Each structure stands twice: as structure tokens, then as C-alpha cells.
Protein backbone atom coordinates (compact mmCIF):
# COMPACT_ATOMS: atom_id res chain seq x y z
CA MET A 1 0.00 0.00 0.00
CA SER A 2 1.40 3.27 -1.04
CA ASP A 3 1.54 6.41 1.02
CA LEU A 4 -1.07 7.99 -1.21
CA ASP A 5 -3.54 5.15 -0.60
CA LYS A 6 -2.86 5.28 3.10
CA ALA A 7 -3.42 9.05 3.16
CA ALA A 8 -6.67 8.66 1.22
CA LYS A 9 -7.87 5.99 3.64
CA ASP A 10 -6.97 8.22 6.63
CA ALA A 11 -8.87 11.10 5.03
CA VAL A 12 -11.97 8.94 4.55
CA ASP A 13 -11.73 7.72 8.17
CA ALA A 14 -11.34 11.29 9.42
CA ALA A 15 -14.40 12.38 7.45
CA ALA A 16 -16.41 9.48 8.91
CA ASN A 17 -15.20 10.37 12.40
CA THR A 18 -16.20 14.00 11.84
CA GLU A 19 -19.69 12.94 10.78
CA GLN A 20 -20.00 10.72 13.87
CA LEU A 21 -18.81 13.51 16.14
CA GLU A 22 -21.32 15.91 14.56
CA LEU A 23 -24.13 13.37 15.10
CA ILE A 24 -23.09 12.85 18.72
CA THR A 25 -22.93 16.61 19.30
CA ALA A 26 -26.37 17.10 17.73
CA PHE A 27 -27.77 14.27 19.85
CA LEU A 28 -26.37 15.76 23.06
CA LYS A 29 -27.75 19.22 22.24
CA ALA A 30 -31.16 17.74 21.49
CA GLN A 31 -31.05 15.81 24.75
CA GLN A 32 -30.22 18.97 26.69
CA LEU A 33 -33.09 20.83 25.05
CA THR A 34 -35.63 18.14 25.91
CA LYS A 35 -34.28 17.67 29.43
CA GLN A 36 -35.09 21.16 30.67
CA GLU A 37 -35.97 21.21 34.33
CA THR A 38 -39.52 22.15 35.13
CA PRO A 39 -39.90 24.78 37.83
CA PRO A 40 -41.19 23.54 41.18
CA PRO A 41 -44.93 24.04 41.69
CA ALA A 42 -45.96 27.28 43.31
CA PRO A 43 -46.81 26.93 46.99
CA VAL A 44 -50.50 27.01 47.82
CA PRO A 45 -51.30 30.26 49.61
CA ARG A 46 -52.53 29.77 53.15
CA SER A 47 -55.79 31.33 54.12
CA SER A 48 -54.63 34.23 56.21
CA GLY A 49 -56.45 35.33 59.33
CA GLY A 50 -58.45 32.22 60.24
CA ALA A 51 -59.15 33.50 63.76
CA ALA A 52 -59.57 37.09 62.58
CA LYS A 53 -62.21 35.96 60.11
CA TRP A 54 -64.28 34.34 62.86
CA ILE A 55 -63.84 37.32 65.17
CA GLY A 56 -65.06 39.58 62.37
CA ILE A 57 -68.07 37.35 61.79
CA GLY A 58 -68.85 37.39 65.52
CA VAL A 59 -68.57 41.17 65.76
CA GLY A 60 -70.70 41.61 62.63
CA GLY A 61 -73.34 39.23 63.99
CA ALA A 62 -73.39 41.04 67.34
CA VAL A 63 -73.84 44.41 65.64
CA PHE A 64 -76.64 43.00 63.50
CA LEU A 65 -78.45 41.51 66.51
CA LEU A 66 -78.03 44.75 68.47
CA THR A 67 -79.57 46.65 65.55
CA VAL A 68 -82.51 44.23 65.46
CA ALA A 69 -82.99 44.58 69.24
CA VAL A 70 -82.97 48.40 69.10
CA SER A 71 -85.44 48.31 66.21
CA ALA A 72 -87.73 45.99 68.19
CA MET A 73 -87.54 48.33 71.19
CA ALA A 74 -88.48 51.28 68.95
CA VAL A 75 -91.48 49.37 67.61
CA ALA A 76 -92.57 48.40 71.16
CA ILE A 77 -92.26 51.99 72.42
CA SER A 78 -94.23 53.23 69.42
CA ALA A 79 -96.95 50.66 70.08
CA VAL A 80 -97.25 51.68 73.75
CA ALA A 81 -97.36 55.38 72.84
CA LEU A 82 -100.05 54.73 70.24
CA THR A 83 -102.09 52.70 72.73
CA ILE A 84 -101.90 55.47 75.35
CA CYS A 85 -102.87 58.04 72.73
CA VAL A 86 -105.86 55.97 71.63
CA LEU A 87 -106.99 55.47 75.26
CA ILE A 88 -106.75 59.19 75.98
CA LEU A 89 -108.68 60.06 72.81
CA ARG A 90 -111.34 57.45 73.72
CA SER A 91 -111.66 58.95 77.18
CA VAL A 92 -112.00 62.44 75.72
CA TRP A 93 -114.57 61.17 73.21
CA GLN A 94 -116.61 59.54 75.99
CA ASP A 95 -116.52 62.78 78.05
CA ILE A 96 -117.74 64.73 75.03
CA ARG A 97 -120.60 62.24 74.43
CA LYS A 98 -121.72 62.41 78.10
CA ASN A 99 -121.93 66.19 78.03
CA THR A 100 -124.15 66.32 74.97
């Protein structure tokens, strides 16, 4: 085998090796692209103020019930005042009827 044949064979082998190296490099790049790490899931936010929420509900309920109680007292006082007014007017009406 002459030096020229040996050089030609080495050139062909080098070209084949270059193609293999290019394929390996392309494969590794593709593997890196597909192997991207996914970010960890976002933490679930905790419901803040669990006790504060119930205290707020309790205070709101107490204010509502106090409002209802004051309204009921106003209705009761109005009913008593109306009854007294009607009794006084009835008494006056009876006095007027007796005098005629």
C-alpha cells in the first residue's frame, strides 16, 4: 500500500469520524433541550387570618343583633305610645258624648 492510498484511507476515516462527532454533538444538544428542568410548583397560599375571620363574623353578627334589638324596642315603644294616645282620645270622646 502506497503512502497515497494510506493518506486517502486516513482522510476517509477522518471524514467518517467528523460525521460521527457531529451526530453525537447534535444528539447531546437535542437531549439537553428536551431535558429542561420544570420549575417547582408554586406553593399554595394559606388562608390568612383564620381567627380574625371568625372574630369579624362574631362582631358583625353582634352588631346585627343589636340593631334588630334596638329596632324591636323602637317598635314596642311606638306601640305603647299609640295605645296610650288611643286610650286618651277614647276617654275624651266619651266625656264629650256624656256632656251632649
